[in-house]
């Protein structure tokens, strides 16, 4: 396959835009390896202008790791194609009064997909099918850059701490799920500082939406430290805001990025197709 990849930075914060590849067709091993390297060192790969079926998106996601196979579609939207291999629709569209997808409306706080699981998702792929005329941005927080910006005292303080992450499905704000909900929600404990398995770079691993407390720490001290780290990691200097266009294809690294969603007009339709990619074992 004679393919010339054109690269442009997404922002000064994180990410790379890739042009020159048609993902309706398989890519060869050389291109796949180059894409994996770009992903590992840029954390976001954005490919605009792709007209992809769910099958095409699965093939793209498979370049980076095993695609989650859980059944997630709430309706028959999209036909039989969406009933296999982990398709999740992120949408406010309703049929017969019921949402066709998950996480339908409004703002969503910063989080990392799968942080409530014992084995979190390595990556998430999102493809834009319908987007509102304004709002509905995805914000990405570079947690490696946020860690690097901490002083040595703070780094030493948090180095060996562990956090409890709890998530109630379809929650978009921290206040919707508390630790009292752990028996009915999914929860996991992780290191507050993680090292990337490929680059070796350290990053924070916590989020305002999911992280409830620091294990074995006084609750007041835990709350104060978490709030400081939330505010630190959500500073503008660590944030890239992606303005979606129809046919945008993104994949991002959940191991070193948090993401959030800005509000958008509820009367305007927003539809994105999502896959998650599991860690390599």
Protein backbone atom coordinates (compact mmCIF):
# COMPACT_ATOMS: atom_id res chain seq x y z
CA UNK A 1 0.00 0.00 0.00
CA UNK A 2 1.67 3.24 -1.17
CA UNK A 3 0.43 5.72 1.42
CA UNK A 4 1.93 9.10 2.30
CA UNK A 5 0.89 10.21 5.77
CA UNK A 6 0.49 13.95 6.33
CA UNK A 7 0.91 15.03 9.96
CA UNK A 8 -0.12 18.24 11.70
CA UNK A 9 -0.16 18.99 15.44
CA UNK A 10 -3.65 19.26 16.92
CA UNK A 11 -2.47 21.77 19.52
CA UNK A 12 0.48 22.77 21.66
CA UNK A 13 -0.97 20.64 24.47
CA UNK A 14 -1.43 17.22 22.92
CA UNK A 15 -2.49 15.36 19.82
CA UNK A 16 -1.65 14.90 16.14
CA UNK A 17 -3.85 15.14 13.05
CA UNK A 18 -3.34 12.49 10.38
CA UNK A 19 -4.31 12.90 6.73
CA UNK A 20 -3.66 10.83 3.63
CA UNK A 21 -5.15 7.51 4.81
CA UNK A 22 -8.52 6.06 3.81
CA UNK A 23 -9.69 3.90 6.72
CA UNK A 24 -12.48 2.32 4.69
CA UNK A 25 -9.65 0.01 3.57
CA UNK A 26 -7.17 -2.01 5.69
CA UNK A 27 -3.73 -0.50 6.24
CA UNK A 28 -0.50 -2.45 5.92
CA UNK A 29 1.76 -3.38 8.83
CA UNK A 30 4.17 -0.49 8.27
CA UNK A 31 1.40 2.12 8.43
CA UNK A 32 -0.17 0.39 11.42
CA UNK A 33 3.13 0.50 13.32
CA UNK A 34 3.59 4.18 12.47
CA UNK A 35 0.09 4.93 13.75
CA UNK A 36 0.76 3.08 17.01
CA UNK A 37 3.96 5.07 17.49
CA UNK A 38 2.16 8.35 16.79
CA UNK A 39 -0.53 7.38 19.27
CA UNK A 40 1.92 6.45 22.03
CA UNK A 41 3.82 9.73 21.77
CA UNK A 42 0.95 12.13 21.01
CA UNK A 43 -1.92 10.61 23.06
CA UNK A 44 -4.57 11.68 20.50
CA UNK A 45 -4.75 10.75 16.83
CA UNK A 46 -7.37 12.70 14.87
CA UNK A 47 -8.31 11.70 11.33
CA UNK A 48 -10.77 14.13 9.71
CA UNK A 49 -13.02 13.50 6.73
CA UNK A 50 -13.54 9.76 7.12
CA UNK A 51 -16.85 8.21 5.99
CA UNK A 52 -16.80 5.07 8.13
CA UNK A 53 -19.16 2.24 8.94
CA UNK A 54 -19.01 0.62 12.37
CA UNK A 55 -17.02 -2.21 10.79
CA UNK A 56 -14.48 0.28 9.40
CA UNK A 57 -14.13 1.90 12.81
CA UNK A 58 -13.59 -1.47 14.48
CA UNK A 59 -10.82 -2.25 11.99
CA UNK A 60 -9.21 1.13 12.76
CA UNK A 61 -9.47 0.60 16.52
CA UNK A 62 -8.00 -2.90 16.23
CA UNK A 63 -4.73 -1.30 15.08
CA UNK A 64 -4.21 -0.05 18.63
CA UNK A 65 -5.47 -2.95 20.72
CA UNK A 66 -8.28 -5.42 21.31
CA UNK A 67 -11.71 -3.82 20.90
CA UNK A 68 -14.09 -4.34 23.80
CA UNK A 69 -16.86 -6.74 22.87
CA UNK A 70 -19.56 -5.82 25.40
CA UNK A 71 -23.11 -5.29 24.10
CA UNK A 72 -23.99 -1.62 24.59
CA UNK A 73 -26.60 -0.55 22.03
CA UNK A 74 -29.95 0.42 23.50
CA UNK A 75 -31.95 0.35 20.29
CA UNK A 76 -31.85 -0.93 16.78
CA UNK A 77 -30.38 2.33 15.48
CA UNK A 78 -27.91 1.51 12.73
CA UNK A 79 -29.24 -1.97 12.05
CA UNK A 80 -27.54 -5.28 12.72
CA UNK A 81 -24.05 -3.82 12.25
CA UNK A 82 -24.12 -2.10 15.65
CA UNK A 83 -25.20 -5.19 17.54
CA UNK A 84 -21.72 -6.70 17.74
CA UNK A 85 -18.26 -5.98 19.10
CA UNK A 86 -18.76 -3.18 21.54
CA UNK A 87 -20.52 -0.37 19.69
CA UNK A 88 -21.71 2.37 22.03
CA UNK A 89 -23.69 5.33 20.76
CA UNK A 90 -23.14 8.64 22.54
CA UNK A 91 -26.24 10.60 21.62
CA UNK A 92 -29.15 12.73 22.74
CA UNK A 93 -31.36 11.40 19.91
CA UNK A 94 -34.52 9.71 21.11
CA UNK A 95 -36.83 7.21 19.47
CA UNK A 96 -40.30 6.78 20.90
CA UNK A 97 -39.22 8.95 23.81
CA UNK A 98 -36.22 6.78 24.72
CA UNK A 99 -32.53 7.58 24.15
CA UNK A 100 -30.88 5.53 21.41
CA UNK A 101 -27.54 5.87 23.16
CA UNK A 102 -25.80 6.78 26.40
CA UNK A 103 -24.62 10.01 28.08
CA UNK A 104 -27.18 12.02 26.12
CA UNK A 105 -27.30 15.66 27.17
CA UNK A 106 -25.27 18.55 28.46
CA UNK A 107 -21.93 18.98 30.13
CA UNK A 108 -19.86 16.07 31.46
CA UNK A 109 -17.02 16.39 33.96
CA UNK A 110 -13.45 15.23 33.39
CA UNK A 111 -12.91 11.48 33.57
CA UNK A 112 -10.96 8.60 32.06
CA UNK A 113 -12.89 5.76 30.43
CA UNK A 114 -12.63 2.56 32.43
CA UNK A 115 -10.97 4.04 35.53
CA UNK A 116 -13.69 2.28 37.55
CA UNK A 117 -12.50 -1.10 36.23
CA UNK A 118 -9.67 -3.23 37.59
CA UNK A 119 -8.22 -3.21 34.07
CA UNK A 120 -9.04 0.22 32.59
CA UNK A 121 -9.45 0.89 28.89
CA UNK A 122 -6.20 1.78 27.18
CA UNK A 123 -7.92 3.89 24.55
CA UNK A 124 -11.24 5.16 23.24
CA UNK A 125 -12.21 5.77 19.62
CA UNK A 126 -15.01 8.21 18.84
CA UNK A 127 -16.47 8.96 15.40
CA UNK A 128 -18.75 11.94 14.69
CA UNK A 129 -21.97 11.24 12.77
CA UNK A 130 -24.07 14.27 13.83
CA UNK A 131 -22.81 17.33 15.70
CA UNK A 132 -24.58 20.45 17.04
CA UNK A 133 -23.91 23.87 15.55
CA UNK A 134 -22.25 24.99 18.78
CA UNK A 135 -20.96 23.40 21.97
CA UNK A 136 -20.51 19.68 22.50
CA UNK A 137 -16.73 19.98 22.44
CA UNK A 138 -14.59 17.22 23.91
CA UNK A 139 -11.96 18.66 26.25
CA UNK A 140 -8.77 16.69 26.81
CA UNK A 141 -6.57 17.23 29.87
CA UNK A 142 -2.93 16.16 29.49
CA UNK A 143 -2.25 14.43 32.81
CA UNK A 144 1.41 13.78 31.98
CA UNK A 145 2.01 17.50 31.48
CA UNK A 146 0.05 18.20 34.67
CA UNK A 147 2.26 15.77 36.61
CA UNK A 148 5.43 17.29 35.14
CA UNK A 149 4.31 20.74 36.30
CA UNK A 150 4.03 19.69 39.97
CA UNK A 151 6.91 20.66 42.24
CA UNK A 152 9.16 17.98 43.71
CA UNK A 153 7.46 18.14 47.12
CA UNK A 154 4.04 17.43 45.60
CA UNK A 155 5.41 14.63 43.42
CA UNK A 156 7.01 12.96 46.44
CA UNK A 157 3.80 13.31 48.46
CA UNK A 158 1.60 11.56 45.89
CA UNK A 159 4.08 9.03 44.46
CA UNK A 160 2.80 5.97 46.36
CA UNK A 161 -0.82 6.96 46.95
CA UNK A 162 -3.78 4.97 45.66
CA UNK A 163 -7.24 6.26 44.79
CA UNK A 164 -10.71 4.71 44.71
CA UNK A 165 -12.62 5.33 41.49
CA UNK A 166 -16.39 4.80 41.40
CA UNK A 167 -18.75 5.28 38.48
CA UNK A 168 -22.49 4.95 38.00
CA UNK A 169 -23.22 4.43 34.32
CA UNK A 170 -24.72 7.51 32.66
CA UNK A 171 -23.52 9.80 35.46
CA UNK A 172 -22.07 13.04 34.09
CA UNK A 173 -21.37 14.91 37.35
CA UNK A 174 -19.49 13.90 40.49
CA UNK A 175 -22.49 14.60 42.71
CA UNK A 176 -24.52 11.88 40.99
CA UNK A 177 -22.40 9.03 42.37
CA UNK A 178 -20.96 8.70 45.87
CA UNK A 179 -19.00 5.97 47.62
CA UNK A 180 -22.26 4.83 49.21
CA UNK A 181 -23.28 3.70 45.72
CA UNK A 182 -20.33 1.32 45.39
CA UNK A 183 -22.48 -1.79 45.77
CA UNK A 184 -24.55 -0.78 42.74
CA UNK A 185 -21.80 0.91 40.73
CA UNK A 186 -18.50 -0.24 39.33
CA UNK A 187 -15.41 0.57 41.41
CA UNK A 188 -11.66 -0.04 41.38
CA UNK A 189 -8.49 1.10 43.15
CA UNK A 190 -5.52 2.45 41.17
CA UNK A 191 -2.21 4.20 41.70
CA UNK A 192 -2.53 7.97 41.71
CA UNK A 193 0.66 8.21 39.66
CA UNK A 194 1.03 5.86 36.71
CA UNK A 195 3.86 5.21 34.29
CA UNK A 196 2.96 4.83 30.62
CA UNK A 197 3.72 1.26 29.50
CA UNK A 198 5.30 2.37 26.21
CA UNK A 199 6.88 5.79 26.79
CA UNK A 200 7.64 5.37 30.50
CA UNK A 201 6.37 8.91 31.15
CA UNK A 202 4.60 9.46 34.47
CA UNK A 203 1.14 11.00 34.70
CA UNK A 204 -1.60 11.64 37.21
CA UNK A 205 -4.44 9.12 37.23
CA UNK A 206 -7.51 10.65 38.83
CA UNK A 207 -10.60 12.55 37.73
CA UNK A 208 -13.22 14.83 39.18
CA UNK A 209 -16.08 12.61 37.99
CA UNK A 210 -14.81 9.24 39.21
CA UNK A 211 -12.21 9.59 41.96
CA UNK A 212 -13.86 9.50 45.39
CA UNK A 213 -11.03 9.34 47.92
CA UNK A 214 -7.40 8.50 48.55
CA UNK A 215 -7.01 5.10 50.18
CA UNK A 216 -5.84 5.05 53.82
CA UNK A 217 -5.88 8.84 54.16
CA UNK A 218 -7.96 11.01 56.49
CA UNK A 219 -11.05 12.06 54.56
CA UNK A 220 -10.55 15.81 55.03
CA UNK A 221 -6.92 15.57 53.94
CA UNK A 222 -7.95 13.37 51.01
CA UNK A 223 -10.64 15.82 49.90
CA UNK A 224 -8.25 18.77 50.06
CA UNK A 225 -5.50 17.00 48.14
CA UNK A 226 -7.88 15.70 45.47
CA UNK A 227 -9.44 19.12 44.98
CA UNK A 228 -5.98 20.63 44.55
CA UNK A 229 -5.06 18.00 41.96
CA UNK A 230 -8.39 18.31 40.14
CA UNK A 231 -7.98 22.07 39.85
CA UNK A 232 -4.33 21.74 38.86
CA UNK A 233 -4.96 19.19 36.11
CA UNK A 234 -7.90 21.16 34.66
CA UNK A 235 -5.93 24.36 34.09
CA UNK A 236 -6.17 25.84 30.60
CA UNK A 237 -2.49 25.20 29.88
CA UNK A 238 -3.13 21.43 30.00
CA UNK A 239 -6.37 21.43 27.97
CA UNK A 240 -7.03 20.79 24.29
CA UNK A 241 -10.63 21.48 23.16
CA UNK A 242 -11.73 19.47 20.14
CA UNK A 243 -14.41 21.10 18.01
CA UNK A 244 -16.13 18.22 16.28
CA UNK A 245 -16.89 18.11 12.57
CA UNK A 246 -18.97 15.39 10.95
CA UNK A 247 -16.75 12.44 9.92
CA UNK A 248 -14.02 13.24 12.45
CA UNK A 249 -12.38 10.08 13.78
CA UNK A 250 -10.46 10.26 17.06
CA UNK A 251 -8.62 7.83 19.25
CA UNK A 252 -7.14 8.89 22.59
CA UNK A 253 -5.04 7.39 25.36
CA UNK A 254 -7.00 6.91 28.59
CA UNK A 255 -3.78 6.13 30.47
CA UNK A 256 -2.57 9.74 30.39
CA UNK A 257 -5.58 11.87 29.37
CA UNK A 258 -8.85 12.85 30.98
CA UNK A 259 -11.71 14.08 28.84
CA UNK A 260 -14.88 16.09 29.41
CA UNK A 261 -17.78 17.44 27.37
CA UNK A 262 -19.08 21.00 27.10
CA UNK A 263 -22.78 21.80 27.05
CA UNK A 264 -24.70 22.06 23.78
CA UNK A 265 -28.26 22.95 22.72
CA UNK A 266 -30.51 20.08 23.79
CA UNK A 267 -32.76 20.57 20.77
CA UNK A 268 -29.88 19.86 18.37
CA UNK A 269 -28.91 16.28 17.59
CA UNK A 270 -25.51 14.92 18.57
CA UNK A 271 -24.47 11.39 17.61
CA UNK A 272 -21.05 9.81 17.97
CA UNK A 273 -20.04 6.15 17.72
CA UNK A 274 -17.70 4.90 20.41
CA UNK A 275 -15.42 1.92 20.91
CA UNK A 276 -13.10 1.18 23.79
CA UNK A 277 -9.84 -0.71 23.51
CA UNK A 278 -8.60 -2.91 26.31
CA UNK A 279 -5.10 -3.03 27.72
CA UNK A 280 -2.66 -5.49 26.20
CA UNK A 281 -2.12 -8.53 28.41
